[in-house]
Protein backbone atom coordinates (compact mmCIF):
# COMPACT_ATOMS: atom_id res chain seq x y z
CA MET A 1 3.77 53.13 -13.32
CA ILE A 2 2.14 49.68 -13.13
CA VAL A 3 -0.05 48.70 -16.23
CA ASP A 4 -2.19 45.80 -16.10
CA LEU A 5 -2.44 43.97 -19.39
CA VAL A 6 -6.16 42.83 -18.39
CA HIS A 7 -7.13 46.54 -18.70
CA ALA A 8 -4.59 48.22 -21.19
CA PRO A 9 -2.29 47.34 -23.84
CA PRO A 10 1.65 47.33 -23.22
CA PRO A 11 3.01 50.99 -23.74
CA ASP A 12 4.83 51.61 -27.06
CA THR A 13 7.76 53.72 -25.33
CA PRO A 14 11.22 52.31 -25.73
CA HIS A 15 12.84 50.84 -22.94
CA ASP A 16 16.93 50.06 -22.17
CA VAL A 17 16.04 46.88 -20.38
CA VAL A 18 13.23 44.15 -20.22
CA ILE A 19 13.26 42.21 -16.98
CA VAL A 20 11.18 39.03 -17.28
CA GLY A 21 9.80 38.34 -13.89
CA GLY A 22 8.65 40.36 -11.02
CA GLY A 23 9.86 38.85 -8.07
CA THR A 24 12.61 39.50 -5.45
CA VAL A 25 15.78 39.85 -7.77
CA ALA A 26 13.74 41.40 -10.70
CA LEU A 27 12.45 44.24 -8.43
CA LEU A 28 15.70 44.72 -6.91
CA LEU A 29 17.21 44.91 -10.53
CA ALA A 30 14.49 47.19 -11.84
CA VAL A 31 14.95 49.77 -8.97
CA LEU A 32 18.79 49.97 -9.02
CA LEU A 33 18.66 50.27 -12.79
CA GLU A 34 16.23 52.92 -12.78
CA ARG A 35 17.85 54.95 -10.22
CA GLN A 36 21.02 55.10 -12.48
CA GLY A 37 18.93 56.41 -15.51
CA GLN A 38 17.84 53.36 -17.24
CA ARG A 39 14.45 53.08 -18.77
CA VAL A 40 13.10 49.60 -17.31
CA LEU A 41 10.25 47.37 -18.39
CA VAL A 42 9.36 44.58 -15.77
CA LEU A 43 7.23 41.68 -16.89
CA GLU A 44 5.23 40.15 -14.14
CA SER A 45 3.23 37.02 -15.25
CA GLY A 46 0.60 37.53 -12.30
CA GLY A 47 -1.52 40.33 -10.96
CA GLY A 48 -1.09 42.72 -8.05
CA GLY A 49 -1.93 39.71 -5.84
CA PHE A 50 -2.42 35.89 -5.89
CA GLU A 51 -4.93 34.65 -8.48
CA THR A 52 -5.86 31.25 -9.37
CA PRO A 53 -5.32 31.49 -13.07
CA ALA A 54 -2.05 33.06 -12.78
CA GLN A 55 -1.05 30.27 -10.03
CA GLN A 56 -1.92 27.35 -12.40
CA LEU A 57 0.94 28.60 -14.94
CA ASN A 58 3.29 27.08 -12.32
CA ASP A 59 2.14 23.40 -13.05
CA ALA A 60 4.99 21.31 -13.38
CA SER A 61 5.64 17.45 -13.64
CA VAL A 62 8.05 16.08 -10.88
CA ILE A 63 9.49 13.07 -12.16
CA GLY A 64 12.63 12.64 -9.60
CA ARG A 65 12.66 12.82 -5.81
CA ALA A 66 9.52 14.50 -4.43
CA HIS A 67 10.17 18.25 -4.39
CA ASN A 68 7.47 20.64 -2.58
CA GLY A 69 8.67 23.92 -3.36
CA ILE A 70 7.85 23.80 -7.09
CA ALA A 71 4.12 23.72 -6.14
CA MET A 72 4.23 25.73 -2.92
CA ALA A 73 7.02 28.30 -2.94
CA ARG A 74 6.49 29.91 -6.32
CA GLY A 75 4.33 33.14 -6.40
CA ARG A 76 2.93 34.62 -9.54
CA ALA A 77 2.07 37.96 -8.18
CA LEU A 78 4.10 41.30 -8.15
CA GLY A 79 6.73 40.55 -5.72
CA GLY A 80 6.85 36.98 -6.29
CA THR A 81 7.86 34.43 -3.79
CA SER A 82 8.84 37.22 -1.35
CA ASN A 83 5.09 37.57 -0.75
CA LEU A 84 5.42 33.88 0.89
CA TRP A 85 8.78 34.05 2.43
CA GLY A 86 9.77 35.29 6.02
CA GLY A 87 12.70 37.45 4.60
CA GLN A 88 15.47 35.65 6.27
CA LEU A 89 19.13 36.67 4.97
CA THR A 90 22.57 35.30 5.40
CA GLY A 91 25.54 35.40 3.00
CA PHE A 92 27.71 32.44 1.60
CA VAL A 93 31.40 31.88 2.99
CA PRO A 94 34.58 32.00 1.07
CA SER A 95 35.08 28.57 0.57
CA ASP A 96 31.57 28.23 -1.13
CA PHE A 97 33.17 29.90 -4.09
CA GLU A 98 36.27 27.57 -4.19
CA ALA A 99 36.95 24.20 -5.42
CA ARG A 100 36.24 21.58 -3.02
CA ALA A 101 37.14 18.04 -3.46
CA GLY A 102 34.32 15.66 -3.76
CA VAL A 103 31.89 18.71 -4.43
CA SER A 104 33.07 20.91 -7.07
CA ASP A 105 36.30 20.50 -9.42
CA ALA A 106 36.39 24.08 -10.30
CA PRO A 107 35.70 27.37 -8.47
CA TRP A 108 33.24 29.51 -9.39
CA PRO A 109 34.07 32.25 -12.18
CA ILE A 110 34.01 34.79 -9.53
CA ALA A 111 35.43 35.13 -5.94
CA TYR A 112 33.99 35.68 -2.46
CA GLN A 113 35.78 39.20 -2.58
CA ASP A 114 34.18 40.10 -5.74
CA LEU A 115 30.70 39.67 -4.09
CA LEU A 116 31.54 41.48 -0.74
CA PRO A 117 30.97 45.00 -1.85
CA TRP A 118 27.54 44.17 -3.41
CA TYR A 119 26.44 42.11 -0.08
CA ASP A 120 26.99 45.45 1.44
CA ALA A 121 25.18 47.24 -1.17
CA VAL A 122 22.08 45.03 -0.76
CA ALA A 123 22.16 45.46 2.95
CA ARG A 124 22.03 49.32 2.55
CA GLU A 125 19.27 49.19 0.06
CA LEU A 126 17.34 46.86 2.37
CA ARG A 127 18.07 49.08 5.36
CA LEU A 128 20.10 46.21 7.00
CA ALA A 129 23.36 47.97 7.11
CA ASP A 130 22.78 48.77 10.82
CA ALA A 131 21.58 45.25 11.65
CA LEU A 132 23.59 43.06 13.97
CA ASP A 133 26.06 40.51 13.07
CA GLU A 134 28.22 38.43 15.16
CA GLY A 135 30.95 41.00 15.13
CA THR A 136 29.18 43.85 16.54
CA PRO A 137 29.72 44.72 20.15
CA GLN A 138 25.76 45.12 20.75
CA ALA A 139 25.66 41.41 19.89
CA HIS A 140 28.10 40.62 22.39
CA LYS A 141 25.76 42.04 25.03
CA LEU A 142 22.83 40.07 24.01
CA PHE A 143 24.53 37.00 25.03
CA GLY A 144 25.37 38.37 28.74
CA GLY A 145 28.53 40.38 27.86
CA GLY A 146 30.41 37.72 25.60
CA TYR A 147 29.73 36.10 22.40
CA PRO A 148 29.00 32.25 22.96
CA GLU A 149 32.11 29.79 22.04
CA ILE A 150 31.09 26.55 20.47
CA PRO A 151 34.33 24.47 19.73
CA GLY A 152 34.74 23.84 16.20
CA PHE A 153 31.69 25.85 15.30
CA THR A 154 30.68 29.39 14.32
CA LEU A 155 27.65 30.63 16.11
CA PHE A 156 26.01 33.27 13.19
CA LEU A 157 22.91 35.31 13.21
CA THR A 158 20.66 35.09 10.01
CA ARG A 159 18.82 38.55 9.54
CA TRP A 160 15.17 39.05 8.71
CA LEU A 161 14.03 41.76 6.69
CA LYS A 162 11.35 44.24 8.34
CA GLU A 163 9.22 44.20 5.23
CA PRO A 164 9.87 40.80 3.13
CA ALA A 165 7.27 41.49 0.39
CA MET A 166 9.76 43.42 -2.21
CA ALA A 167 6.29 44.84 -4.09
CA ARG A 168 5.74 46.31 -0.73
CA TYR A 169 8.95 47.52 0.28
CA PHE A 170 9.67 48.96 -3.33
CA SER A 171 5.98 50.45 -3.86
CA GLU A 172 6.50 53.80 -4.09
CA ARG A 173 9.24 53.56 -6.74
CA LEU A 174 7.20 50.84 -8.69
CA ARG A 175 4.43 53.37 -8.83
CA HIS A 176 6.03 56.66 -9.31
CA ALA A 177 9.64 56.24 -10.44
CA PRO A 178 9.67 57.84 -13.99
CA ARG A 179 11.57 55.49 -15.87
CA LEU A 180 10.05 52.28 -14.63
CA THR A 181 7.14 50.38 -16.08
CA VAL A 182 5.81 47.14 -14.54
CA LEU A 183 3.52 45.04 -16.71
CA LEU A 184 1.22 42.77 -14.79
CA HIS A 185 -0.28 39.71 -16.40
CA ALA A 186 2.49 39.66 -18.96
CA HIS A 187 3.28 36.10 -19.41
CA ALA A 188 6.63 35.35 -21.32
CA THR A 189 6.35 32.82 -23.66
CA GLY A 190 9.18 33.12 -25.96
CA LEU A 191 12.41 35.08 -26.91
CA GLU A 192 12.92 36.42 -30.66
CA LEU A 193 16.37 36.15 -32.10
CA SER A 194 18.10 38.63 -34.13
CA ALA A 195 19.36 37.23 -37.77
CA ASP A 196 22.55 36.23 -36.71
CA GLY A 197 21.07 34.63 -33.67
CA GLN A 198 23.29 36.59 -31.15
CA ARG A 199 20.95 38.87 -29.65
CA VAL A 200 17.39 38.69 -28.36
CA ALA A 201 15.55 41.07 -30.61
CA ALA A 202 12.23 40.79 -28.64
CA VAL A 203 10.37 39.00 -25.74
CA ARG A 204 7.19 37.43 -26.77
CA VAL A 205 4.40 38.10 -24.33
CA ALA A 206 0.95 36.48 -24.04
CA ARG A 207 -1.54 38.80 -22.70
CA PRO A 208 -4.53 37.33 -20.77
CA ASP A 209 -6.73 37.19 -23.36
CA GLY A 210 -4.18 35.14 -25.43
CA ARG A 211 -3.19 37.93 -27.89
CA LEU A 212 0.71 38.16 -28.17
CA ALA A 213 2.87 41.09 -28.41
CA ASN A 214 6.73 41.32 -28.93
CA LEU A 215 8.50 43.77 -26.57
CA ARG A 216 11.73 44.94 -28.09
CA SER A 217 14.73 46.12 -25.87
CA PRO A 218 18.46 46.29 -26.44
CA ARG A 219 19.15 44.05 -23.10
CA VAL A 220 17.02 41.40 -21.78
CA VAL A 221 17.46 40.06 -18.14
CA LEU A 222 15.67 36.90 -17.24
CA ALA A 223 14.95 37.12 -13.65
CA ASN A 224 11.72 34.66 -13.47
CA GLY A 225 12.97 32.17 -10.77
CA THR A 226 15.23 28.93 -11.30
CA ILE A 227 12.35 26.94 -12.61
CA GLU A 228 11.07 29.48 -15.24
CA ILE A 229 14.34 30.59 -16.30
CA ALA A 230 15.15 27.02 -17.43
CA ARG A 231 11.63 26.16 -18.68
CA LEU A 232 11.84 29.52 -21.09
CA LEU A 233 15.08 28.82 -22.43
CA LEU A 234 14.58 25.18 -23.01
CA ALA A 235 11.14 26.20 -24.99
CA CYS A 236 12.92 28.78 -27.12
CA ALA A 237 15.82 26.19 -27.84
CA ALA A 238 12.98 23.87 -29.01
CA GLU A 239 11.57 26.61 -31.26
CA GLN A 240 14.83 27.89 -32.49
CA PRO A 241 17.48 25.01 -32.82
CA ARG A 242 19.94 27.74 -33.85
CA ALA A 243 19.82 29.84 -30.19
CA PRO A 244 23.30 29.94 -28.91
CA TRP A 245 22.39 28.30 -25.68
CA ALA A 246 20.21 25.24 -27.36
CA ALA A 247 23.23 22.65 -27.39
CA ASN A 248 24.56 23.85 -23.95
CA PRO A 249 24.74 20.73 -22.00
CA TRP A 250 24.22 22.63 -18.56
CA LEU A 251 20.94 24.16 -19.52
CA GLY A 252 18.45 22.96 -17.21
CA ALA A 253 21.18 20.75 -15.45
CA GLY A 254 22.83 21.14 -11.99
CA PHE A 255 19.42 21.71 -10.04
CA GLN A 256 19.87 21.67 -6.32
CA ASP A 257 17.98 22.50 -3.16
CA HIS A 258 18.70 22.22 0.52
CA LEU A 259 17.94 19.28 2.53
CA GLU A 260 15.91 19.93 5.88
CA MET A 261 15.92 17.13 8.74
CA ARG A 262 15.95 16.60 12.18
CA GLY A 263 19.20 15.21 13.24
CA GLY A 264 18.62 14.50 16.67
CA GLN A 265 16.76 15.51 20.05
CA VAL A 266 18.36 17.89 22.32
CA HIS A 267 18.54 18.05 26.13
CA PRO A 268 19.77 21.24 27.70
CA LEU A 269 22.15 20.75 30.27
CA ASP A 270 21.86 24.45 31.49
CA ARG A 271 18.48 25.18 30.34
CA ALA A 272 18.58 29.25 30.88
CA ARG A 273 21.92 29.57 29.18
CA PHE A 274 21.04 27.38 26.32
CA LEU A 275 17.63 29.14 25.61
CA ARG A 276 19.63 32.39 25.82
CA THR A 277 22.10 31.34 23.41
CA PHE A 278 19.92 29.84 20.54
CA GLN A 279 16.43 31.45 21.21
CA ASN A 280 15.58 33.95 18.37
CA ILE A 281 16.45 37.70 18.91
CA VAL A 282 14.26 40.80 18.40
CA LEU A 283 16.13 44.10 18.24
CA GLY A 284 15.45 47.26 16.85
CA GLY A 285 12.49 45.93 14.90
CA HIS A 286 14.70 43.08 13.20
CA LYS A 287 14.65 39.56 14.17
CA TYR A 288 17.69 37.40 14.19
CA GLN A 289 18.00 33.57 14.31
CA PRO A 290 21.21 32.09 15.93
CA LYS A 291 22.66 28.87 13.88
CA LEU A 292 25.83 26.96 13.69
CA ARG A 293 27.97 26.08 11.03
CA LEU A 294 31.20 23.98 11.16
CA SER A 295 34.36 26.33 11.23
CA THR A 296 36.20 24.72 8.38
CA GLY A 297 38.14 26.10 5.35
CA ALA A 298 38.18 25.52 1.43
CA ASP A 299 38.66 21.91 1.95
CA ALA A 300 35.36 21.47 3.65
CA ALA A 301 33.21 18.96 1.72
CA LEU A 302 29.38 19.64 1.72
CA GLN A 303 28.01 22.48 3.94
CA VAL A 304 25.67 22.04 6.56
CA SER A 305 24.06 24.58 9.06
CA GLY A 306 21.92 23.81 12.03
CA TYR A 307 19.46 25.44 14.33
CA PHE A 308 17.38 24.63 17.35
CA ALA A 309 13.65 24.03 16.66
CA PHE A 310 11.78 24.44 20.29
CA GLU A 311 8.29 22.65 20.05
CA SER A 312 5.66 23.89 22.65
CA SER A 313 2.16 23.54 23.39
CA ILE A 314 1.73 27.09 22.82
CA ALA A 315 3.07 27.14 19.43
CA GLU A 316 -0.11 27.15 17.45
CA HIS A 317 -1.71 30.09 19.53
CA LEU A 318 1.57 32.09 19.45
CA GLN A 319 1.60 31.53 15.45
CA HIS A 320 -2.06 32.57 15.05
CA LEU A 321 -1.21 35.94 17.10
CA LYS A 322 1.58 36.81 15.13
CA VAL A 323 -0.36 36.70 11.87
CA LEU A 324 -3.24 39.02 13.76
CA ALA A 325 -0.24 41.33 14.97
CA ARG A 326 1.09 41.47 11.44
CA SER A 327 -2.14 42.04 9.76
CA LEU A 328 -2.84 44.95 12.03
CA THR A 329 0.66 46.66 11.59
CA ARG A 330 -0.47 46.50 7.65
CA GLY A 331 -3.56 48.13 8.09
CA ALA A 332 -5.68 44.86 7.16
CA LEU A 333 -8.52 43.36 8.55
CA PRO A 334 -7.91 40.23 10.40
CA ARG A 335 -9.08 37.22 8.85
CA GLN A 336 -9.85 35.46 12.59
CA GLY A 337 -12.99 36.27 14.37
CA LEU A 338 -13.23 37.87 17.90
CA GLY A 339 -13.84 34.15 19.29
CA GLU A 340 -10.91 32.73 17.60
CA VAL A 341 -8.70 35.41 18.69
CA LEU A 342 -9.77 35.10 22.35
CA ARG A 343 -9.24 31.29 21.85
CA HIS A 344 -5.56 31.98 20.95
CA VAL A 345 -5.08 34.51 23.84
CA ARG A 346 -6.49 31.98 26.49
CA GLY A 347 -4.36 29.38 24.90
CA MET A 348 -1.33 31.21 25.86
CA GLY A 349 -2.27 30.70 29.29
CA SER A 350 0.76 31.28 31.98
CA ALA A 351 3.28 31.91 29.13
CA TRP A 352 2.51 35.41 28.76
CA LEU A 353 4.51 36.73 31.76
CA PRO A 354 7.81 34.66 30.88
CA MET A 355 7.31 35.97 27.32
CA ALA A 356 7.03 39.78 28.22
CA VAL A 357 10.21 39.11 30.51
CA GLN A 358 12.25 37.51 27.68
CA TYR A 359 11.15 39.94 25.03
CA LEU A 360 11.75 43.25 27.03
CA ARG A 361 14.63 42.27 29.16
CA HIS A 362 16.54 39.84 26.82
CA HIS A 363 15.12 40.85 23.53
CA ARG A 364 14.34 37.00 22.96
CA ILE A 365 11.31 35.29 21.50
CA TYR A 366 10.08 33.00 24.09
CA HIS A 367 9.50 29.32 23.86
CA PRO A 368 8.66 27.40 26.81
CA ALA A 369 10.00 24.03 24.89
CA ASP A 370 7.78 21.76 26.90
CA ARG A 371 7.48 19.37 24.06
CA GLY A 372 11.43 18.91 23.19
CA VAL A 373 14.12 20.80 21.55
CA TRP A 374 15.54 19.44 18.11
CA LEU A 375 18.69 20.10 16.09
CA VAL A 376 17.51 20.63 12.84
CA MET A 377 19.90 20.90 9.54
CA HIS A 378 20.02 22.34 6.26
CA ALA A 379 22.43 20.73 4.26
CA GLU A 380 24.02 21.31 0.84
CA GLN A 381 23.38 18.88 -1.91
CA LEU A 382 26.20 17.24 -3.94
CA PRO A 383 25.75 19.05 -7.32
CA ARG A 384 24.79 16.61 -10.21
CA ASP A 385 24.37 17.12 -13.85
CA ASP A 386 21.55 14.66 -13.95
CA SER A 387 19.45 16.42 -11.55
CA ARG A 388 17.64 18.61 -14.11
CA ILE A 389 14.80 20.70 -15.34
CA THR A 390 13.46 19.77 -18.67
CA LEU A 391 10.31 20.13 -20.35
CA ASP A 392 7.19 18.09 -20.48
CA ARG A 393 6.29 17.71 -24.04
CA GLN A 394 2.98 16.11 -23.35
CA ARG A 395 1.73 18.74 -20.95
CA LYS A 396 1.27 22.57 -21.91
CA ASP A 397 -0.10 25.90 -20.09
CA ARG A 398 -3.04 27.41 -21.54
CA PHE A 399 -0.99 29.74 -23.75
CA GLY A 400 0.75 26.63 -25.39
CA MET A 401 3.87 26.68 -23.78
CA PRO A 402 5.40 23.19 -22.43
CA LEU A 403 5.33 22.65 -18.44
CA ALA A 404 8.52 22.44 -16.80
CA ALA A 405 9.61 18.64 -15.75
CA LEU A 406 11.85 18.52 -12.40
CA ASP A 407 13.76 15.43 -12.13
CA TRP A 408 15.68 16.27 -8.59
CA ARG A 409 18.25 13.75 -7.72
CA ILE A 410 20.65 14.05 -4.77
CA GLY A 411 23.83 11.96 -4.06
CA GLY A 412 22.63 10.16 -1.08
CA ARG A 413 25.66 9.14 0.77
CA PRO A 414 27.60 12.08 0.86
CA GLU A 415 24.60 14.14 2.01
CA VAL A 416 24.23 11.57 5.12
CA GLN A 417 27.90 11.55 5.76
CA ALA A 418 28.10 15.20 5.99
CA MET A 419 24.89 15.46 8.32
CA ALA A 420 25.89 12.90 10.39
CA ALA A 421 29.39 14.35 10.83
CA PHE A 422 27.52 17.65 11.80
CA VAL A 423 25.38 16.10 14.48
CA ARG A 424 28.20 14.24 16.17
CA ARG A 425 30.46 17.41 16.18
CA ALA A 426 27.59 19.47 17.42
CA GLY A 427 26.80 16.98 20.17
CA ARG A 428 30.51 16.91 21.38
CA SER A 429 30.75 20.43 21.17
CA LEU A 430 27.49 21.62 22.82
CA GLN A 431 28.50 19.03 25.77
CA ALA A 432 31.88 20.20 26.11
CA ALA A 433 30.52 23.69 26.50
CA GLY A 434 28.18 22.63 29.33
CA LEU A 435 25.01 23.38 27.10
CA ALA A 436 23.10 20.46 26.02
CA ARG A 437 23.36 16.83 25.14
CA VAL A 438 22.38 15.66 21.72
CA GLU A 439 20.56 12.35 20.93
CA ILE A 440 21.45 11.73 17.42
CA ASP A 441 18.68 10.20 14.92
CA PRO A 442 19.47 6.36 14.79
CA LEU A 443 19.50 6.28 11.08
CA LEU A 444 21.52 8.97 10.80
CA ALA A 445 24.23 7.35 13.38
CA ASP A 446 24.47 4.42 11.18
CA GLU A 447 24.81 6.92 7.85
CA ASP A 448 22.00 4.77 6.64
CA PRO A 449 20.61 6.41 3.36
CA ARG A 450 17.11 5.97 4.50
CA ALA A 451 17.55 8.65 6.54
CA LEU A 452 17.10 11.07 3.59
CA ASP A 453 13.53 9.72 3.52
CA ARG A 454 12.64 12.10 6.14
CA ALA A 455 14.36 15.13 4.50
CA THR A 456 12.62 17.60 2.60
CA ASP A 457 13.60 20.38 0.31
CA THR A 458 13.79 24.03 1.60
CA TYR A 459 12.42 25.86 -1.48
CA HIS A 460 15.80 26.94 -1.94
CA GLN A 461 15.91 26.31 -5.88
CA CYS A 462 19.30 26.80 -7.35
CA GLY A 463 21.12 25.84 -10.65
CA GLY A 464 19.83 25.03 -14.01
CA ALA A 465 21.70 28.05 -15.65
CA ARG A 466 24.98 28.10 -13.78
CA MET A 467 27.75 30.30 -14.13
CA GLY A 468 30.50 28.96 -16.05
CA HIS A 469 34.20 29.51 -17.11
CA HIS A 470 33.12 28.83 -20.63
CA ALA A 471 30.19 27.50 -22.64
CA ARG A 472 31.04 23.88 -21.91
CA ASP A 473 30.98 24.41 -18.22
CA GLY A 474 28.10 26.71 -17.72
CA VAL A 475 25.27 28.64 -19.39
CA VAL A 476 26.17 32.37 -18.20
CA ASP A 477 29.35 33.96 -17.72
CA ARG A 478 30.98 35.61 -14.99
CA GLU A 479 28.93 38.64 -15.94
CA LEU A 480 25.78 36.72 -16.18
CA ARG A 481 25.47 36.98 -19.82
CA VAL A 482 24.23 34.02 -21.61
CA PHE A 483 27.19 32.43 -23.36
CA GLY A 484 26.93 33.10 -27.28
CA THR A 485 24.70 36.10 -26.82
CA HIS A 486 25.22 40.04 -26.65
CA ASN A 487 22.41 41.05 -24.74
CA LEU A 488 20.57 38.28 -22.85
CA TYR A 489 21.26 37.99 -18.86
CA VAL A 490 20.23 35.86 -16.06
CA ALA A 491 19.67 36.99 -12.52
CA GLY A 492 18.84 34.75 -9.47
CA ALA A 493 19.97 31.49 -7.77
CA ALA A 494 19.74 29.56 -11.08
CA VAL A 495 23.36 30.48 -11.68
CA PHE A 496 24.61 28.91 -8.68
CA ARG A 497 27.30 26.37 -9.06
CA THR A 498 26.88 25.16 -5.71
CA SER A 499 24.25 25.97 -2.90
CA SER A 500 26.43 26.13 0.34
CA TYR A 501 24.49 25.92 3.92
CA ALA A 502 22.69 29.23 3.31
CA ASN A 503 19.26 30.67 2.15
CA PRO A 504 20.28 31.69 -1.68
CA THR A 505 18.31 35.16 -1.53
CA PHE A 506 21.02 37.20 -0.16
CA THR A 507 23.56 35.97 -2.62
CA ALA A 508 21.25 35.96 -5.59
CA MET A 509 20.59 39.65 -4.40
CA ALA A 510 24.19 40.54 -4.17
CA LEU A 511 24.71 39.38 -7.65
CA THR A 512 21.92 41.09 -9.06
CA ALA A 513 23.33 44.22 -7.54
CA ARG A 514 26.40 43.76 -9.40
CA LEU A 515 24.91 43.01 -12.52
CA ALA A 516 22.90 46.06 -12.11
CA ASP A 517 26.16 48.17 -11.87
CA GLN A 518 27.43 46.46 -14.82
CA LEU A 519 24.40 47.12 -17.06
CA GLY A 520 24.81 50.79 -15.80
CA ARG A 521 28.08 51.02 -17.18
CA GLU A 522 27.35 49.41 -20.70
CA PRO A 523 25.86 51.40 -23.35
CA ALA A 524 22.32 50.28 -23.85
CA THR A 525 22.90 49.79 -27.55
CA ALA A 526 25.72 47.11 -26.56
């Protein structure tokens, strides 16, 4: 059931697990635990939809490199940031979990093989088990009978969820599952420790009117996002210096995000084959985006992936019509008036026929690319212990909790070198395959650090509570339990040691499914 603290007090029924956060990984964890017979309480600081007062709780200070995602990509509403994203999923690769020279001096405490079953479990849960990947025969047919070969690269397909908003996807279970309770407008402001300091006895929650409530549970999972997990742990450590994590050097440290930038302009040599290879695919209600990554092993440096952005004169009209179609399929009234809709329909001009042919015959999303094609990269950043989340002691939210302060730092030269190498190799390989010629960005060609001035974050916030081999190496252990505690866990990308080339959500969800299995097998009093 869903209880709004604006209208009702928190329930006094006992729970086996309290989950702080109501976003993607929090709701997945809640559903999986409830299905196992666990009594679960979810604490969402926002409401059922976006509201200004709740969003203001995201206020933060940025004291390092500019970071857009800290303001634009954190949603305080049931479903969290899944209400904002497109639902694109792709997994990490084996080398991401291994030690890499110049990137990570130690492997993750878990291996890629440990996570493989949980990728599969999440795919089944999200109805992606039958979706395409580069190994399925149907994928080969989509590319004209043979899967494209780009020398030195792997062409992989990212998968997009049919319903990316997790609150909508799990709606029935959130409302009717007998052992699952969701509290809206429940802002976690602190963790109360037991007398020995090794257990979290209660989560302190501020109600909308400012009244506080302590919610007790044998186990607590922080799943409220990278920034807020670090903020809550740091604020609790400031209040209670005996907290086991208070002196942990990795708390808040190792913050990472992917860098996105254009690496060069692309000039197709065989336009029809190029578009057939790299335009987005729609099949069986799923969308897939073809992307490139280097075919490298464990000795790889920073990971980079690339995709092709097709700029066209119809892009604005097509985007508005997509939003209209999405609203109608969800039973919502379109925000656009009839005149605005007709303007976008007319703006498509002669593109309607080729778009229909591409969609119906080739299962592709048509882009005329009359304004150019660009190679766009997502690059892993070098992990740094001085790239970190701290507290702003001068600024507090309306409940008296210090705001987060983000000092995002990147290595600079390693990222530029990795991206420059990617573009050069992609250019050689695409030309050798007869597909395209790539005109590399001049600053990138010179490996000039100023090229990073054009790079932005991708809203892929990772780190701050990384998984470690021991308390001097990370904040949580391989089971995602905070070092020094018996019953406090962290779920989400905050536990990542490195960030790979990929959107972090699929890996965060796989780790969450693994955690759910572990908690389901442990006694609630442990």
